[in-house]
Structure formats: C-alpha cells, structure tokens
Amino acid sequence: MYPADITLRVTRLTMLQLLALGTNVRAKLHGNAAFPDPPTPLVEMEHLLGRFSSLISLATKGSKQALSLRNDYAEQVRNALTRQAYYVRSCSNRDPALLATSGFPLRKVPQPRGPLSAPERIKARMGDAPGSVVLRWAPQKEARLYEVLMVPKSSGDAWQVVAV
C-alpha cells in the first residue's frame, strides 16, 4: 500500500496556478496547530505572494523587465512552497487527515486494476508449418502480456498454455 502524500509539481504550474497554490497553502497553514512553525514564516510568505501577484499583473503588459522580475519571484515562490511541502511531510508523518489540512493537493493513490477482458476481434489463419495457426488481435488497454491457450486432442477438456 502506498503511504499518503502530497503532490508538489510547482515547475509545471502556470503563474496563476502557482499563485493560487501558494495562497491556498498560506491560508491553510495559518493557525494550523499541526504545522506550528513552517520554515518560511507565513508573514513572509504573504508578502512574497502579494508582490508576486502584482508582478503577474505588470508582466501581462509585456515589459522584459517586468517579466524577468515576475520570473524571479516565481522561483522564490516555488522554493518557499517546496520548503513548506517538506515541512508538512515531516510534521504529518504521512497522515492523510493532516496532509489534507495543509493546502497542498493530495497525491492520487494508484488503484488496483480489475481483471482484464479477453482481446476482441481475434483473427486466425493457417500458418506456414503444418498444424500451425497465426493469431492476431487488437490490444487491450492496460494489458502487458497475453497467454494463448489451446485444448490438445489428447487431453480432452484441459486447456494448456502454448504461447505467452
């Protein structure tokens, strides 16, 4: 079983998504007894996010200097969020209830796949060698390998694996 965890993909977020995540984390950590002493103080984080928000607005007008400054602040926000995430992980001991109160999105837990259905649209033709058959079918989603079974004349009703 996978331990509960948060996701932190700050490099893939747009500027507005990064701002929204930072704002949410700051709000959820404020007054949260489970995380009393974050590495980036919340007052500092609030100031950083406020400045970042104003720089996003300035950068929409396209000045190279504004874009550069916005990108510098985006990196600072990413670094602050990364520090907060490591802190949250260490304080929560991967407890899903505590992680959910941090403001970070929870990682999706992989679910076991059920049994796969048999391939469809199977086509068979005689092979080049006597008694051989060539089989083709459309692949099934999530299938990694297939077992080909047959019932030899001598075994009655017992299926045997003849190819993988």
Protein backbone atom coordinates (compact mmCIF):
# COMPACT_ATOMS: atom_id res chain seq x y z
CA MET A 1 0.00 0.00 0.00
CA TYR A 2 1.21 3.48 -0.83
CA PRO A 3 1.65 5.99 2.01
CA ALA A 4 -0.42 9.14 1.82
CA ASP A 5 1.45 12.07 0.34
CA ILE A 6 1.03 15.49 -1.21
CA THR A 7 1.94 16.42 -4.76
CA LEU A 8 4.27 19.24 -5.49
CA ARG A 9 4.75 19.90 -9.19
CA VAL A 10 5.47 23.58 -8.96
CA THR A 11 7.59 23.65 -12.11
CA ARG A 12 4.62 22.60 -14.24
CA LEU A 13 2.22 25.23 -12.95
CA THR A 14 1.31 28.41 -14.76
CA MET A 15 1.99 31.65 -12.91
CA LEU A 16 -1.66 31.96 -11.84
CA GLN A 17 -1.78 28.32 -10.71
CA LEU A 18 1.41 28.86 -8.71
CA LEU A 19 -0.09 31.94 -7.09
CA ALA A 20 -3.32 30.07 -6.28
CA LEU A 21 -1.41 27.15 -4.73
CA GLY A 22 0.75 29.49 -2.65
CA THR A 23 -2.27 31.45 -1.47
CA ASN A 24 -4.12 28.25 -0.55
CA VAL A 25 -1.15 26.78 1.34
CA ARG A 26 -0.58 30.03 3.24
CA ALA A 27 -4.26 30.23 4.20
CA LYS A 28 -4.43 26.58 5.31
CA LEU A 29 -1.21 26.74 7.34
CA HIS A 30 -2.30 29.95 9.11
CA GLY A 31 -3.40 28.93 12.62
CA ASN A 32 -2.98 25.22 11.82
CA ALA A 33 -1.84 23.55 15.07
CA ALA A 34 -0.44 20.57 13.17
CA PHE A 35 2.10 22.83 11.45
CA PRO A 36 3.03 25.48 14.02
CA ASP A 37 6.44 26.59 12.74
CA PRO A 38 6.79 26.48 8.94
CA PRO A 39 10.28 27.12 7.54
CA THR A 40 9.05 30.11 5.54
CA PRO A 41 7.13 32.25 8.05
CA LEU A 42 3.58 32.91 6.91
CA VAL A 43 4.02 36.69 7.14
CA GLU A 44 6.99 36.44 4.78
CA MET A 45 5.01 34.12 2.50
CA GLU A 46 2.09 36.57 2.43
CA HIS A 47 4.42 39.41 1.44
CA LEU A 48 6.07 37.24 -1.23
CA LEU A 49 2.71 36.19 -2.70
CA GLY A 50 1.40 39.77 -2.68
CA ARG A 51 4.43 41.01 -4.58
CA PHE A 52 4.24 38.03 -6.95
CA SER A 53 0.57 38.79 -7.66
CA SER A 54 1.31 42.41 -8.54
CA LEU A 55 4.21 41.33 -10.77
CA ILE A 56 1.94 38.92 -12.65
CA SER A 57 -0.33 41.87 -13.43
CA LEU A 58 2.60 44.05 -14.53
CA ALA A 59 4.07 41.30 -16.70
CA THR A 60 0.85 40.95 -18.72
CA LYS A 61 1.73 44.25 -20.37
CA GLY A 62 4.88 42.57 -21.70
CA SER A 63 7.84 44.60 -20.41
CA LYS A 64 11.01 42.46 -20.37
CA GLN A 65 12.00 43.85 -17.01
CA ALA A 66 8.57 43.03 -15.53
CA LEU A 67 8.71 39.51 -16.98
CA SER A 68 12.18 38.96 -15.56
CA LEU A 69 11.18 40.24 -12.12
CA ARG A 70 7.99 38.12 -12.17
CA ASN A 71 10.03 35.03 -13.07
CA ASP A 72 12.49 35.75 -10.23
CA TYR A 73 9.59 35.97 -7.78
CA ALA A 74 8.03 32.83 -9.23
CA GLU A 75 11.25 30.98 -8.41
CA GLN A 76 11.15 32.34 -4.87
CA VAL A 77 7.54 31.18 -4.51
CA ARG A 78 8.46 27.71 -5.84
CA ASN A 79 11.33 27.47 -3.36
CA ALA A 80 9.13 28.59 -0.46
CA LEU A 81 6.43 26.08 -1.40
CA THR A 82 8.99 23.30 -1.69
CA ARG A 83 10.31 24.06 1.81
CA GLN A 84 6.76 24.17 3.16
CA ALA A 85 5.96 20.84 1.49
CA TYR A 86 8.95 19.08 3.05
CA TYR A 87 7.98 20.54 6.41
CA VAL A 88 4.37 19.38 6.02
CA ARG A 89 5.51 15.88 5.09
CA SER A 90 7.81 15.63 8.10
CA CYS A 91 5.27 17.01 10.62
CA SER A 92 2.35 14.94 9.34
CA ASN A 93 4.16 11.60 9.32
CA ARG A 94 2.19 11.00 6.09
CA ASP A 95 -1.14 11.06 7.96
CA PRO A 96 -3.78 11.69 5.25
CA ALA A 97 -6.02 13.70 7.59
CA LEU A 98 -3.19 16.07 8.49
CA LEU A 99 -1.92 16.31 4.91
CA ALA A 100 -5.40 17.33 3.77
CA THR A 101 -5.29 20.36 6.11
CA SER A 102 -2.04 21.68 4.63
CA GLY A 103 -3.40 23.28 1.46
CA PHE A 104 -1.31 21.06 -0.81
CA PRO A 105 -3.16 18.68 -3.14
CA LEU A 106 -3.03 15.04 -2.10
CA ARG A 107 -1.31 12.56 -4.37
CA LYS A 108 -3.64 10.16 -6.11
CA VAL A 109 -3.25 6.64 -4.77
CA PRO A 110 -3.00 4.07 -7.54
CA GLN A 111 -5.95 1.71 -7.57
CA PRO A 112 -5.56 -1.96 -8.43
CA ARG A 113 -6.90 -2.85 -11.81
CA GLY A 114 -9.59 -5.44 -12.02
CA PRO A 115 -9.37 -8.45 -14.25
CA LEU A 116 -8.90 -7.53 -17.89
CA SER A 117 -11.31 -8.69 -20.54
CA ALA A 118 -10.24 -11.04 -23.30
CA PRO A 119 -8.99 -9.49 -26.54
CA GLU A 120 -11.61 -8.72 -29.15
CA ARG A 121 -11.55 -9.02 -32.95
CA ILE A 122 -9.36 -12.10 -32.95
CA LYS A 123 -8.30 -13.20 -36.42
CA ALA A 124 -6.85 -16.62 -37.14
CA ARG A 125 -5.29 -18.00 -40.30
CA MET A 126 -3.38 -21.12 -41.15
CA GLY A 127 0.35 -20.83 -40.57
CA ASP A 128 3.18 -21.87 -42.89
CA ALA A 129 4.01 -25.01 -40.91
CA PRO A 130 1.58 -27.94 -40.89
CA GLY A 131 -0.83 -27.69 -37.93
CA SER A 132 0.18 -24.11 -37.06
CA VAL A 133 -2.12 -21.13 -36.68
CA VAL A 134 -1.29 -17.40 -36.79
CA LEU A 135 -3.39 -15.32 -34.39
CA ARG A 136 -3.84 -11.53 -34.37
CA TRP A 137 -5.98 -9.35 -32.13
CA ALA A 138 -6.46 -5.75 -31.07
CA PRO A 139 -4.53 -4.94 -27.89
CA GLN A 140 -6.47 -4.44 -24.68
CA LYS A 141 -5.86 -1.29 -22.65
CA GLU A 142 -3.54 -1.95 -19.68
CA ALA A 143 -2.61 -5.46 -20.88
CA ARG A 144 1.09 -6.28 -20.59
CA LEU A 145 1.18 -9.82 -21.95
CA TYR A 146 -1.18 -12.43 -23.34
CA GLU A 147 -1.38 -16.17 -22.82
CA VAL A 148 -2.52 -18.28 -25.76
CA LEU A 149 -4.28 -21.45 -24.65
CA MET A 150 -5.48 -24.48 -26.56
CA VAL A 151 -7.05 -27.85 -25.90
CA PRO A 152 -4.97 -30.64 -27.43
CA LYS A 153 -6.98 -33.57 -28.83
CA SER A 154 -5.34 -35.98 -26.43
CA SER A 155 -6.18 -34.05 -23.23
CA GLY A 156 -9.96 -33.89 -23.51
CA ASP A 157 -11.08 -30.61 -21.93
CA ALA A 158 -7.80 -29.49 -20.28
CA TRP A 159 -6.60 -26.09 -21.54
CA GLN A 160 -2.85 -25.68 -21.86
CA VAL A 161 -0.73 -22.55 -22.33
CA VAL A 162 1.01 -22.81 -25.70
CA ALA A 163 2.41 -19.28 -26.03
CA VAL A 164 2.94 -16.13 -23.95
